[in-house]
Amino acid sequence: MGIDDITKKAQEFLGDDKVQDALKSEQAEGISDKLLDSVADAASKLTGGKFDDQIEDARDSADKSVGTD
């Protein structure tokens, strides 16, 4: 299976209505918030806080794509 096949299957999976409903659920929001906060904290520590504004912007942008908020 090549990268094109994997990409096509991923697109089909993410386009499914049930998957979209799950991604927009309250449960997904809670899980994504915890995960995004952890990743943002780790990135901040790795960069010594030099890019905190950019990290927070990226975190907020990703948060808008998953869950309800």
C-alpha atoms as a PDB file:
ATOM      1  CA  MET A   1       0.000   0.000   0.000  1.00  0.00           C
ATOM      2  CA  GLY A   2       1.501   3.292  -1.126  1.00  0.00           C
ATOM      3  CA  ILE A   3       1.251   6.729   0.425  1.00  0.00           C
ATOM      4  CA  ASP A   4      -1.444   7.702  -2.083  1.00  0.00           C
ATOM      5  CA  ASP A   5      -3.585   4.749  -1.004  1.00  0.00           C
ATOM      6  CA  ILE A   6      -3.134   5.616   2.669  1.00  0.00           C
ATOM      7  CA  THR A   7      -3.978   9.270   2.002  1.00  0.00           C
ATOM      8  CA  LYS A   8      -7.119   8.322   0.091  1.00  0.00           C
ATOM      9  CA  LYS A   9      -8.292   5.972   2.854  1.00  0.00           C
ATOM     10  CA  ALA A  10      -7.635   8.651   5.500  1.00  0.00           C
ATOM     11  CA  GLN A  11      -9.629  11.211   3.512  1.00  0.00           C
ATOM     12  CA  GLU A  12     -12.516   8.767   3.127  1.00  0.00           C
ATOM     13  CA  PHE A  13     -12.412   7.991   6.863  1.00  0.00           C
ATOM     14  CA  LEU A  14     -12.381  11.647   7.879  1.00  0.00           C
ATOM     15  CA  GLY A  15     -15.187  12.453   5.439  1.00  0.00           C
ATOM     16  CA  ASP A  16     -17.550   9.950   7.053  1.00  0.00           C
ATOM     17  CA  ASP A  17     -20.485  11.625   8.830  1.00  0.00           C
ATOM     18  CA  LYS A  18     -20.107   9.447  11.940  1.00  0.00           C
ATOM     19  CA  VAL A  19     -16.434  10.361  12.236  1.00  0.00           C
ATOM     20  CA  GLN A  20     -17.249  14.053  11.836  1.00  0.00           C
ATOM     21  CA  ASP A  21     -19.926  13.787  14.541  1.00  0.00           C
ATOM     22  CA  ALA A  22     -17.446  12.099  16.895  1.00  0.00           C
ATOM     23  CA  LEU A  23     -14.843  14.807  16.271  1.00  0.00           C
ATOM     24  CA  LYS A  24     -17.405  17.476  17.185  1.00  0.00           C
ATOM     25  CA  SER A  25     -18.483  15.824  20.451  1.00  0.00           C
ATOM     26  CA  GLU A  26     -17.991  17.062  24.026  1.00  0.00           C
ATOM     27  CA  GLN A  27     -15.834  14.013  24.753  1.00  0.00           C
ATOM     28  CA  ALA A  28     -13.516  14.855  21.838  1.00  0.00           C
ATOM     29  CA  GLU A  29     -13.312  18.438  23.109  1.00  0.00           C
ATOM     30  CA  GLY A  30     -12.121  17.334  26.553  1.00  0.00           C
ATOM     31  CA  ILE A  31      -9.577  14.897  25.190  1.00  0.00           C
ATOM     32  CA  SER A  32      -8.272  17.335  22.599  1.00  0.00           C
ATOM     33  CA  ASP A  33      -7.933  20.135  25.169  1.00  0.00           C
ATOM     34  CA  LYS A  34      -5.774  17.946  27.414  1.00  0.00           C
ATOM     35  CA  LEU A  35      -3.657  16.745  24.512  1.00  0.00           C
ATOM     36  CA  LEU A  36      -3.200  20.203  22.995  1.00  0.00           C
ATOM     37  CA  ASP A  37      -2.305  21.696  26.383  1.00  0.00           C
ATOM     38  CA  SER A  38       0.305  18.985  26.949  1.00  0.00           C
ATOM     39  CA  VAL A  39       1.844  19.469  23.505  1.00  0.00           C
ATOM     40  CA  ALA A  40       1.888  23.260  23.907  1.00  0.00           C
ATOM     41  CA  ASP A  41       3.554  22.966  27.324  1.00  0.00           C
ATOM     42  CA  ALA A  42       6.174  20.581  25.952  1.00  0.00           C
ATOM     43  CA  ALA A  43       6.878  22.858  22.981  1.00  0.00           C
ATOM     44  CA  SER A  44       7.230  25.847  25.292  1.00  0.00           C
ATOM     45  CA  LYS A  45       9.706  23.991  27.502  1.00  0.00           C
ATOM     46  CA  LEU A  46      11.716  22.808  24.487  1.00  0.00           C
ATOM     47  CA  THR A  47      11.975  26.329  23.100  1.00  0.00           C
ATOM     48  CA  GLY A  48      12.636  27.982  26.441  1.00  0.00           C
ATOM     49  CA  GLY A  49       9.454  30.028  26.125  1.00  0.00           C
ATOM     50  CA  LYS A  50      10.830  31.964  23.127  1.00  0.00           C
ATOM     51  CA  PHE A  51       7.855  31.105  20.928  1.00  0.00           C
ATOM     52  CA  ASP A  52       5.010  31.006  23.430  1.00  0.00           C
ATOM     53  CA  ASP A  53       2.797  33.360  21.384  1.00  0.00           C
ATOM     54  CA  GLN A  54       3.169  31.263  18.231  1.00  0.00           C
ATOM     55  CA  ILE A  55       2.674  28.024  20.171  1.00  0.00           C
ATOM     56  CA  GLU A  56      -0.511  29.355  21.751  1.00  0.00           C
ATOM     57  CA  ASP A  57      -1.813  30.523  18.362  1.00  0.00           C
ATOM     58  CA  ALA A  58      -1.153  27.090  16.861  1.00  0.00           C
ATOM     59  CA  ARG A  59      -2.796  25.398  19.860  1.00  0.00           C
ATOM     60  CA  ASP A  60      -5.900  27.583  19.534  1.00  0.00           C
ATOM     61  CA  SER A  61      -6.104  26.997  15.791  1.00  0.00           C
ATOM     62  CA  ALA A  62      -5.929  23.225  16.251  1.00  0.00           C
ATOM     63  CA  ASP A  63      -8.530  23.406  19.040  1.00  0.00           C
ATOM     64  CA  LYS A  64     -11.046  24.995  16.683  1.00  0.00           C
ATOM     65  CA  SER A  65     -10.848  21.927  14.436  1.00  0.00           C
ATOM     66  CA  VAL A  66     -11.808  19.365  17.093  1.00  0.00           C
ATOM     67  CA  GLY A  67     -14.651  19.261  19.587  1.00  0.00           C
ATOM     68  CA  THR A  68     -17.315  21.822  20.284  1.00  0.00           C
ATOM     69  CA  ASP A  69     -15.353  24.973  21.231  1.00  0.00           C
END
